[in-house]
């Protein structure tokens, strides 16, 4: 286990395993800011003011909108729907069949972020060593050889690419 993990949105996960479970549920890539707990009050996520004041986010969540209409809920009710690690989507991505790649600059080419993350190649053994992701002594090595496992992948520009592992090269 890696211990606590702080995401770019300021949410602390107890470990990388829990982050990945959340990622699978949402179908979104969650980017790590650093390994270790986030500072108190670091969460920068909230629902839109109007929807929140009218109680719409809570009502929509009760009716399943968080899972049925994820693109809209990412825009208006991120906190209520527990989507704080996912940026609100620009209009172009909202209308695409597979939504946006993380970074919300380009459309994904298929489900599960197909066509995203340039240069994000993991060695085939990386999934067996996630505990090294949070280790300062191994940080640069893990960034270089296991960026996907450790959640260091950063979409570059407007390029469309595929997540690659040694198994699918």
N, C-alpha and C. Protein backbone atom coordinates (compact mmCIF):
# COMPACT_ATOMS: atom_id res chain seq x y z
N UNK A 1 0.84 -1.20 0.00
CA UNK A 1 0.00 0.00 0.00
C UNK A 1 0.88 1.25 0.00
N UNK A 2 0.37 2.30 -0.63
CA UNK A 2 1.15 3.52 -0.78
C UNK A 2 0.97 4.50 0.37
N UNK A 3 -0.05 4.33 1.16
CA UNK A 3 -0.38 5.36 2.14
C UNK A 3 -1.22 6.42 1.46
N UNK A 4 -1.49 7.52 2.15
CA UNK A 4 -2.38 8.55 1.59
C UNK A 4 -1.87 9.13 0.27
N UNK A 5 -2.83 9.51 -0.57
CA UNK A 5 -2.53 10.10 -1.88
C UNK A 5 -3.39 11.35 -2.03
N UNK A 6 -2.77 12.47 -2.39
CA UNK A 6 -3.49 13.73 -2.60
C UNK A 6 -3.66 13.97 -4.10
N UNK A 7 -4.90 14.19 -4.54
CA UNK A 7 -5.17 14.42 -5.96
C UNK A 7 -5.04 15.91 -6.30
N UNK A 8 -5.03 16.20 -7.59
CA UNK A 8 -4.92 17.59 -8.06
C UNK A 8 -6.06 18.46 -7.55
N UNK A 9 -7.22 17.86 -7.26
CA UNK A 9 -8.35 18.64 -6.77
C UNK A 9 -8.29 18.86 -5.27
N UNK A 10 -7.31 18.24 -4.60
CA UNK A 10 -7.18 18.41 -3.16
C UNK A 10 -7.88 17.35 -2.35
N UNK A 11 -8.30 16.27 -2.96
CA UNK A 11 -8.95 15.18 -2.23
C UNK A 11 -7.90 14.15 -1.80
N UNK A 12 -7.98 13.70 -0.55
CA UNK A 12 -7.07 12.68 -0.05
C UNK A 12 -7.73 11.31 -0.14
N UNK A 13 -7.04 10.37 -0.77
CA UNK A 13 -7.45 8.97 -0.78
C UNK A 13 -6.56 8.24 0.21
N UNK A 14 -7.08 7.19 0.88
CA UNK A 14 -6.26 6.48 1.86
C UNK A 14 -5.06 5.78 1.23
N UNK A 15 -5.18 5.40 -0.05
CA UNK A 15 -4.07 4.78 -0.77
C UNK A 15 -4.38 4.77 -2.26
N UNK A 16 -3.38 4.39 -3.05
CA UNK A 16 -3.52 4.38 -4.50
C UNK A 16 -4.58 3.38 -4.97
N UNK A 17 -4.73 2.31 -4.22
CA UNK A 17 -5.73 1.29 -4.56
C UNK A 17 -7.15 1.89 -4.52
N UNK A 18 -7.46 2.66 -3.48
CA UNK A 18 -8.79 3.28 -3.36
C UNK A 18 -8.99 4.30 -4.48
N UNK A 19 -7.94 5.04 -4.83
CA UNK A 19 -8.02 6.01 -5.92
C UNK A 19 -8.38 5.28 -7.21
N UNK A 20 -7.71 4.16 -7.48
CA UNK A 20 -7.98 3.41 -8.71
C UNK A 20 -9.39 2.82 -8.72
N UNK A 21 -9.89 2.40 -7.56
CA UNK A 21 -11.26 1.90 -7.48
C UNK A 21 -12.25 3.00 -7.86
N UNK A 22 -12.03 4.19 -7.32
CA UNK A 22 -12.88 5.34 -7.63
C UNK A 22 -12.79 5.66 -9.12
N UNK A 23 -11.60 5.59 -9.65
CA UNK A 23 -11.36 5.85 -11.06
C UNK A 23 -12.16 4.88 -11.93
N UNK A 24 -12.17 3.62 -11.56
CA UNK A 24 -12.93 2.61 -12.33
C UNK A 24 -14.42 2.89 -12.27
N UNK A 25 -14.92 3.26 -11.09
CA UNK A 25 -16.35 3.55 -10.95
C UNK A 25 -16.76 4.70 -11.84
N UNK A 26 -15.92 5.73 -11.90
CA UNK A 26 -16.24 6.93 -12.67
C UNK A 26 -15.89 6.82 -14.14
N UNK A 27 -14.90 6.01 -14.45
CA UNK A 27 -14.41 5.95 -15.83
C UNK A 27 -13.53 7.13 -16.17
N UNK A 28 -12.99 7.79 -15.17
CA UNK A 28 -12.14 8.95 -15.37
C UNK A 28 -10.76 8.71 -14.77
N UNK A 29 -9.76 9.32 -15.37
CA UNK A 29 -8.40 9.26 -14.85
C UNK A 29 -8.26 10.33 -13.77
N UNK A 30 -7.76 9.95 -12.60
CA UNK A 30 -7.58 10.89 -11.50
C UNK A 30 -6.10 11.16 -11.34
N UNK A 31 -5.71 12.40 -11.46
CA UNK A 31 -4.29 12.74 -11.41
C UNK A 31 -3.82 13.03 -9.99
N UNK A 32 -2.69 12.45 -9.63
CA UNK A 32 -2.09 12.63 -8.31
C UNK A 32 -1.32 13.95 -8.28
N UNK A 33 -1.51 14.71 -7.21
CA UNK A 33 -0.71 15.91 -6.98
C UNK A 33 0.56 15.52 -6.25
N UNK A 34 0.38 14.76 -5.17
CA UNK A 34 1.54 14.24 -4.43
C UNK A 34 1.11 13.07 -3.55
N UNK A 35 2.08 12.30 -3.14
CA UNK A 35 1.81 11.19 -2.23
C UNK A 35 1.92 11.71 -0.82
N UNK A 36 0.93 11.38 -0.01
CA UNK A 36 0.78 11.94 1.33
C UNK A 36 -0.57 12.63 1.39
N UNK A 37 -1.03 12.92 2.59
CA UNK A 37 -2.34 13.56 2.76
C UNK A 37 -2.32 14.99 2.23
N UNK A 38 -3.47 15.44 1.74
CA UNK A 38 -3.61 16.84 1.32
C UNK A 38 -3.68 17.71 2.57
N UNK A 39 -3.29 18.94 2.41
CA UNK A 39 -3.41 19.87 3.54
C UNK A 39 -4.89 20.12 3.82
N UNK A 40 -5.25 20.31 5.07
CA UNK A 40 -6.63 20.56 5.46
C UNK A 40 -7.16 21.78 4.72
N UNK A 41 -8.37 21.66 4.23
CA UNK A 41 -9.00 22.78 3.52
C UNK A 41 -8.51 22.93 2.09
N UNK A 42 -7.80 21.93 1.57
CA UNK A 42 -7.24 22.05 0.23
C UNK A 42 -8.27 21.78 -0.87
N UNK A 43 -9.40 21.19 -0.53
CA UNK A 43 -10.38 20.85 -1.55
C UNK A 43 -10.94 22.12 -2.19
N UNK A 44 -10.84 22.18 -3.51
CA UNK A 44 -11.27 23.35 -4.26
C UNK A 44 -12.46 22.99 -5.15
N UNK A 45 -13.36 22.25 -4.61
CA UNK A 45 -14.47 21.75 -5.42
C UNK A 45 -15.79 22.15 -4.78
N UNK A 46 -16.71 22.56 -5.59
CA UNK A 46 -18.04 22.92 -5.08
C UNK A 46 -19.05 22.81 -6.21
N UNK A 47 -20.30 22.78 -5.84
CA UNK A 47 -21.38 22.81 -6.82
C UNK A 47 -21.55 24.24 -7.31
N UNK A 48 -22.17 24.39 -8.47
CA UNK A 48 -22.50 25.74 -8.93
C UNK A 48 -23.44 26.38 -7.93
N UNK A 49 -23.27 27.67 -7.72
CA UNK A 49 -24.00 28.39 -6.68
C UNK A 49 -25.53 28.28 -6.85
N UNK A 50 -26.01 28.56 -8.06
CA UNK A 50 -27.45 28.57 -8.30
C UNK A 50 -28.09 27.21 -8.02
N UNK A 51 -27.50 26.15 -8.59
CA UNK A 51 -28.04 24.81 -8.40
C UNK A 51 -27.97 24.39 -6.93
N UNK A 52 -26.92 24.78 -6.27
CA UNK A 52 -26.74 24.44 -4.85
C UNK A 52 -27.79 25.14 -3.99
N UNK A 53 -27.96 26.44 -4.22
CA UNK A 53 -28.93 27.22 -3.43
C UNK A 53 -30.36 26.71 -3.60
N UNK A 54 -30.68 26.25 -4.79
CA UNK A 54 -32.03 25.74 -5.06
C UNK A 54 -32.21 24.28 -4.63
N UNK A 55 -31.13 23.66 -4.18
CA UNK A 55 -31.20 22.26 -3.75
C UNK A 55 -31.31 21.28 -4.90
N UNK A 56 -30.99 21.75 -6.10
CA UNK A 56 -31.14 20.90 -7.28
C UNK A 56 -30.13 19.76 -7.31
N UNK A 57 -28.90 20.03 -6.90
CA UNK A 57 -27.87 18.98 -6.96
C UNK A 57 -28.27 17.77 -6.12
N UNK A 58 -28.74 18.03 -4.91
CA UNK A 58 -29.15 16.94 -4.03
C UNK A 58 -30.32 16.17 -4.65
N UNK A 59 -31.27 16.92 -5.18
CA UNK A 59 -32.45 16.30 -5.78
C UNK A 59 -32.06 15.47 -7.01
N UNK A 60 -31.20 16.03 -7.86
CA UNK A 60 -30.78 15.32 -9.06
C UNK A 60 -30.01 14.05 -8.69
N UNK A 61 -29.18 14.15 -7.66
CA UNK A 61 -28.41 12.97 -7.23
C UNK A 61 -29.36 11.85 -6.79
N UNK A 62 -30.39 12.22 -6.03
CA UNK A 62 -31.37 11.23 -5.56
C UNK A 62 -32.08 10.53 -6.72
N UNK A 63 -32.18 11.21 -7.86
CA UNK A 63 -32.85 10.64 -9.03
C UNK A 63 -31.85 9.98 -10.00
N UNK A 64 -30.60 9.81 -9.56
CA UNK A 64 -29.61 9.09 -10.36
C UNK A 64 -28.90 9.88 -11.43
N UNK A 65 -29.02 11.20 -11.41
CA UNK A 65 -28.40 12.01 -12.45
C UNK A 65 -26.87 11.96 -12.42
N UNK A 66 -26.29 11.69 -11.26
CA UNK A 66 -24.83 11.64 -11.18
C UNK A 66 -24.25 10.55 -12.06
N UNK A 67 -24.96 9.45 -12.22
CA UNK A 67 -24.47 8.37 -13.07
C UNK A 67 -25.09 8.38 -14.46
N UNK A 68 -26.31 8.91 -14.59
CA UNK A 68 -26.98 8.92 -15.89
C UNK A 68 -26.54 10.10 -16.76
N UNK A 69 -26.21 11.21 -16.15
CA UNK A 69 -25.87 12.43 -16.89
C UNK A 69 -24.56 13.00 -16.37
N UNK A 70 -23.51 12.19 -16.43
CA UNK A 70 -22.23 12.58 -15.80
C UNK A 70 -21.65 13.87 -16.35
N UNK A 71 -21.73 14.09 -17.65
CA UNK A 71 -21.13 15.31 -18.21
C UNK A 71 -21.79 16.57 -17.66
N UNK A 72 -23.11 16.57 -17.57
CA UNK A 72 -23.80 17.74 -17.02
C UNK A 72 -23.52 17.89 -15.53
N UNK A 73 -23.51 16.78 -14.82
CA UNK A 73 -23.30 16.85 -13.37
C UNK A 73 -21.87 17.28 -13.04
N UNK A 74 -20.91 16.96 -13.91
CA UNK A 74 -19.53 17.44 -13.71
C UNK A 74 -19.49 18.96 -13.80
N UNK A 75 -20.36 19.52 -14.61
CA UNK A 75 -20.39 20.98 -14.76
C UNK A 75 -21.10 21.67 -13.61
N UNK A 76 -22.20 21.10 -13.13
CA UNK A 76 -23.05 21.81 -12.18
C UNK A 76 -23.02 21.30 -10.74
N UNK A 77 -22.75 20.03 -10.53
CA UNK A 77 -22.88 19.44 -9.18
C UNK A 77 -21.70 18.55 -8.82
N UNK A 78 -20.51 19.03 -9.06
CA UNK A 78 -19.31 18.20 -8.86
C UNK A 78 -19.16 17.71 -7.42
N UNK A 79 -19.37 18.57 -6.44
CA UNK A 79 -19.19 18.17 -5.04
C UNK A 79 -20.24 17.14 -4.62
N UNK A 80 -21.49 17.42 -4.92
CA UNK A 80 -22.58 16.52 -4.54
C UNK A 80 -22.41 15.14 -5.17
N UNK A 81 -21.95 15.09 -6.41
CA UNK A 81 -21.79 13.82 -7.12
C UNK A 81 -20.41 13.21 -6.92
N UNK A 82 -19.60 13.77 -6.03
CA UNK A 82 -18.27 13.26 -5.74
C UNK A 82 -17.42 13.17 -7.01
N UNK A 83 -17.43 14.26 -7.78
CA UNK A 83 -16.66 14.33 -9.02
C UNK A 83 -15.60 15.43 -8.94
N UNK A 84 -15.08 15.66 -7.77
CA UNK A 84 -14.15 16.77 -7.58
C UNK A 84 -12.82 16.59 -8.29
N UNK A 85 -12.47 15.36 -8.62
CA UNK A 85 -11.21 15.12 -9.30
C UNK A 85 -11.34 15.24 -10.81
N UNK A 86 -12.54 15.57 -11.28
CA UNK A 86 -12.80 15.66 -12.70
C UNK A 86 -13.18 17.10 -13.02
N UNK A 87 -12.44 17.71 -13.94
CA UNK A 87 -12.75 19.09 -14.31
C UNK A 87 -14.09 19.16 -15.04
N UNK A 88 -14.76 20.30 -14.91
CA UNK A 88 -15.98 20.52 -15.67
C UNK A 88 -15.64 20.44 -17.16
N UNK A 89 -16.50 19.87 -17.93
CA UNK A 89 -16.20 19.64 -19.33
C UNK A 89 -16.61 20.80 -20.22
N UNK A 90 -15.77 21.14 -21.19
CA UNK A 90 -16.16 22.16 -22.16
C UNK A 90 -17.27 21.61 -23.06
N UNK A 91 -18.02 22.49 -23.67
CA UNK A 91 -19.19 22.10 -24.47
C UNK A 91 -18.86 21.07 -25.54
N UNK A 92 -17.74 21.21 -26.24
CA UNK A 92 -17.41 20.28 -27.33
C UNK A 92 -17.31 18.85 -26.82
N UNK A 93 -16.75 18.66 -25.66
CA UNK A 93 -16.61 17.30 -25.12
C UNK A 93 -17.94 16.77 -24.60
N UNK A 94 -18.78 17.65 -24.11
CA UNK A 94 -20.07 17.21 -23.59
C UNK A 94 -20.90 16.56 -24.69
N UNK A 95 -20.71 17.02 -25.91
CA UNK A 95 -21.51 16.52 -27.02
C UNK A 95 -20.90 15.31 -27.70
N UNK A 96 -19.66 14.96 -27.35
CA UNK A 96 -19.02 13.83 -28.01
C UNK A 96 -19.48 12.51 -27.40
N UNK A 97 -19.39 11.46 -28.18
CA UNK A 97 -19.87 10.15 -27.76
C UNK A 97 -19.14 9.62 -26.52
N UNK A 98 -17.81 9.83 -26.44
CA UNK A 98 -17.03 9.27 -25.35
C UNK A 98 -16.51 10.31 -24.37
N UNK A 99 -16.97 11.56 -24.47
CA UNK A 99 -16.54 12.59 -23.53
C UNK A 99 -15.13 13.06 -23.82
N UNK A 100 -14.52 13.70 -22.81
CA UNK A 100 -13.20 14.29 -22.96
C UNK A 100 -12.10 13.42 -22.40
N UNK A 101 -10.92 13.62 -22.93
CA UNK A 101 -9.73 13.06 -22.31
C UNK A 101 -9.46 13.88 -21.05
N UNK A 102 -8.78 13.30 -20.06
CA UNK A 102 -8.40 14.11 -18.90
C UNK A 102 -7.63 15.34 -19.39
N UNK A 103 -7.88 16.45 -18.78
CA UNK A 103 -7.34 17.72 -19.24
C UNK A 103 -8.42 18.49 -19.99
N UNK A 104 -9.45 17.77 -20.43
CA UNK A 104 -10.63 18.36 -21.07
C UNK A 104 -10.32 19.24 -22.27
N UNK A 105 -9.28 18.90 -23.03
CA UNK A 105 -8.95 19.69 -24.21
C UNK A 105 -9.37 18.98 -25.49
N UNK A 106 -9.36 17.65 -25.45
CA UNK A 106 -9.72 16.89 -26.65
C UNK A 106 -10.71 15.79 -26.30
N UNK A 107 -11.41 15.32 -27.32
CA UNK A 107 -12.38 14.24 -27.12
C UNK A 107 -11.66 12.90 -27.06
N UNK A 108 -12.15 12.01 -26.20
CA UNK A 108 -11.63 10.65 -26.17
C UNK A 108 -12.10 9.93 -27.43
N UNK A 109 -11.32 8.96 -27.88
CA UNK A 109 -11.65 8.22 -29.09
C UNK A 109 -12.52 7.00 -28.83
N UNK A 110 -12.64 6.63 -27.55
CA UNK A 110 -13.44 5.47 -27.19
C UNK A 110 -13.66 5.43 -25.70
N UNK A 111 -14.32 4.38 -25.21
CA UNK A 111 -14.56 4.28 -23.77
C UNK A 111 -13.26 4.14 -22.99
N UNK A 112 -13.31 4.47 -21.71
CA UNK A 112 -12.18 4.34 -20.79
C UNK A 112 -10.97 5.16 -21.27
N UNK A 113 -11.23 6.36 -21.77
CA UNK A 113 -10.19 7.31 -22.18
C UNK A 113 -9.31 6.81 -23.32
N UNK A 114 -9.86 5.98 -24.20
CA UNK A 114 -9.07 5.52 -25.34
C UNK A 114 -8.65 6.73 -26.16
N UNK A 115 -7.39 6.75 -26.54
CA UNK A 115 -6.87 7.84 -27.34
C UNK A 115 -6.29 8.98 -26.54
N UNK A 116 -6.09 8.80 -25.26
CA UNK A 116 -5.56 9.86 -24.39
C UNK A 116 -4.18 9.49 -23.84
N UNK A 117 -3.45 10.45 -23.37
CA UNK A 117 -2.17 10.30 -22.66
C UNK A 117 -0.99 9.97 -23.56
N UNK A 118 -0.38 10.98 -24.10
CA UNK A 118 0.81 10.80 -24.92
C UNK A 118 1.99 10.35 -24.06
N UNK A 119 2.68 9.33 -24.52
CA UNK A 119 3.89 8.89 -23.85
C UNK A 119 3.67 8.25 -22.50
N UNK A 120 2.48 7.82 -22.21
CA UNK A 120 2.20 7.25 -20.90
C UNK A 120 2.37 5.73 -20.98
N UNK A 121 3.60 5.29 -20.94
CA UNK A 121 3.90 3.86 -21.07
C UNK A 121 4.35 3.30 -19.73
N UNK A 122 3.75 2.23 -19.35
CA UNK A 122 4.12 1.51 -18.13
C UNK A 122 4.84 0.23 -18.51
N UNK A 123 5.82 -0.15 -17.72
CA UNK A 123 6.38 -1.48 -17.85
C UNK A 123 5.34 -2.48 -17.37
N UNK A 124 5.39 -3.71 -17.85
CA UNK A 124 4.34 -4.67 -17.50
C UNK A 124 4.34 -5.04 -16.03
N UNK A 125 5.44 -4.81 -15.32
CA UNK A 125 5.49 -5.16 -13.90
C UNK A 125 5.04 -4.02 -12.98
N UNK A 126 4.84 -2.85 -13.53
CA UNK A 126 4.48 -1.68 -12.71
C UNK A 126 3.27 -1.89 -11.81
N UNK A 127 2.20 -2.53 -12.29
CA UNK A 127 1.04 -2.72 -11.41
C UNK A 127 1.34 -3.52 -10.13
N UNK A 128 2.46 -4.25 -10.14
CA UNK A 128 2.81 -5.03 -8.96
C UNK A 128 3.59 -4.21 -7.92
N UNK A 129 3.99 -2.99 -8.27
CA UNK A 129 4.81 -2.20 -7.37
C UNK A 129 4.26 -0.80 -7.10
N UNK A 130 2.95 -0.65 -6.88
CA UNK A 130 2.42 0.70 -6.64
C UNK A 130 2.95 1.32 -5.35
N UNK A 131 3.42 0.48 -4.42
CA UNK A 131 3.94 1.01 -3.16
C UNK A 131 5.19 1.86 -3.37
N UNK A 132 5.87 1.71 -4.49
CA UNK A 132 7.05 2.53 -4.77
C UNK A 132 6.67 3.91 -5.30
N UNK A 133 5.41 4.10 -5.70
CA UNK A 133 4.98 5.38 -6.26
C UNK A 133 5.15 6.53 -5.27
N UNK A 134 4.84 6.30 -4.02
CA UNK A 134 4.92 7.37 -3.03
C UNK A 134 6.25 7.49 -2.34
N UNK A 135 7.21 6.67 -2.72
CA UNK A 135 8.52 6.66 -2.09
C UNK A 135 9.42 7.71 -2.75
N UNK A 136 9.84 8.71 -2.00
CA UNK A 136 10.67 9.80 -2.54
C UNK A 136 11.94 9.26 -3.21
N UNK A 137 12.53 8.21 -2.65
CA UNK A 137 13.76 7.66 -3.21
C UNK A 137 13.55 7.09 -4.61
N UNK A 138 12.33 6.67 -4.91
CA UNK A 138 12.03 6.06 -6.21
C UNK A 138 11.19 6.95 -7.13
N UNK A 139 10.90 8.17 -6.71
CA UNK A 139 9.97 9.03 -7.44
C UNK A 139 10.34 9.21 -8.91
N UNK A 140 11.58 9.60 -9.19
CA UNK A 140 11.98 9.86 -10.57
C UNK A 140 11.97 8.58 -11.42
N UNK A 141 12.39 7.48 -10.83
CA UNK A 141 12.38 6.20 -11.54
C UNK A 141 10.95 5.80 -11.87
N UNK A 142 10.05 5.94 -10.91
CA UNK A 142 8.65 5.57 -11.14
C UNK A 142 7.99 6.50 -12.15
N UNK A 143 8.33 7.79 -12.12
CA UNK A 143 7.79 8.72 -13.12
C UNK A 143 8.21 8.30 -14.52
N UNK A 144 9.45 7.85 -14.63
CA UNK A 144 9.99 7.48 -15.94
C UNK A 144 9.45 6.14 -16.44
N UNK A 145 9.40 5.14 -15.56
CA UNK A 145 9.06 3.79 -16.01
C UNK A 145 7.63 3.35 -15.71
N UNK A 146 6.95 4.00 -14.77
CA UNK A 146 5.59 3.59 -14.38
C UNK A 146 4.65 4.80 -14.24
N UNK A 147 4.62 5.71 -15.22
CA UNK A 147 3.81 6.92 -15.05
C UNK A 147 2.31 6.66 -14.94
N UNK A 148 1.80 5.64 -15.63
CA UNK A 148 0.37 5.37 -15.55
C UNK A 148 -0.01 4.78 -14.20
N UNK A 149 0.72 3.80 -13.74
CA UNK A 149 0.45 3.18 -12.44
C UNK A 149 0.50 4.20 -11.32
N UNK A 150 1.47 5.11 -11.38
CA UNK A 150 1.65 6.11 -10.31
C UNK A 150 0.83 7.37 -10.55
N UNK A 151 0.08 7.43 -11.65
CA UNK A 151 -0.78 8.57 -11.98
C UNK A 151 0.00 9.86 -12.20
N UNK A 152 1.08 9.75 -12.97
CA UNK A 152 1.86 10.93 -13.34
C UNK A 152 1.62 11.33 -14.79
N UNK A 153 0.75 10.65 -15.50
CA UNK A 153 0.52 10.95 -16.92
C UNK A 153 -0.10 12.33 -17.07
N UNK A 154 0.39 13.07 -18.02
CA UNK A 154 -0.14 14.40 -18.29
C UNK A 154 -0.43 14.49 -19.78
N UNK A 155 -1.69 14.77 -20.14
CA UNK A 155 -1.99 14.94 -21.56
C UNK A 155 -1.20 16.12 -22.11
N UNK A 156 -0.64 15.95 -23.31
CA UNK A 156 0.17 17.01 -23.91
C UNK A 156 -0.56 17.60 -25.11
N UNK A 157 -0.74 18.91 -25.11
CA UNK A 157 -1.34 19.60 -26.24
C UNK A 157 -2.66 19.00 -26.66
N UNK A 158 -2.84 18.89 -27.95
CA UNK A 158 -4.08 18.33 -28.49
C UNK A 158 -3.85 17.00 -29.19
N UNK A 159 -2.81 16.28 -28.78
CA UNK A 159 -2.51 15.01 -29.42
C UNK A 159 -3.46 13.93 -28.92
N UNK A 160 -3.81 13.02 -29.79
CA UNK A 160 -4.65 11.88 -29.41
C UNK A 160 -3.74 10.64 -29.45
N UNK A 161 -3.66 9.98 -28.33
CA UNK A 161 -2.82 8.79 -28.26
C UNK A 161 -3.47 7.75 -27.38
N UNK A 162 -2.86 6.59 -27.30
CA UNK A 162 -3.40 5.48 -26.54
C UNK A 162 -2.51 5.18 -25.35
N UNK A 163 -3.10 4.73 -24.25
CA UNK A 163 -2.32 4.29 -23.11
C UNK A 163 -1.64 2.99 -23.52
N UNK A 164 -0.33 2.96 -23.41
CA UNK A 164 0.42 1.80 -23.87
C UNK A 164 1.09 1.08 -22.72
N UNK A 165 1.11 -0.22 -22.80
CA UNK A 165 1.87 -1.04 -21.86
C UNK A 165 2.70 -1.99 -22.71
N UNK A 166 3.63 -2.67 -22.11
CA UNK A 166 4.43 -3.63 -22.86
C UNK A 166 3.56 -4.72 -23.46
N UNK A 167 2.42 -4.99 -22.85
CA UNK A 167 1.53 -6.05 -23.33
C UNK A 167 0.84 -5.71 -24.65
N UNK A 168 0.64 -4.41 -24.92
CA UNK A 168 -0.06 -4.08 -26.16
C UNK A 168 0.81 -3.33 -27.16
N UNK A 169 2.12 -3.37 -26.98
CA UNK A 169 3.03 -2.74 -27.95
C UNK A 169 3.20 -3.61 -29.18
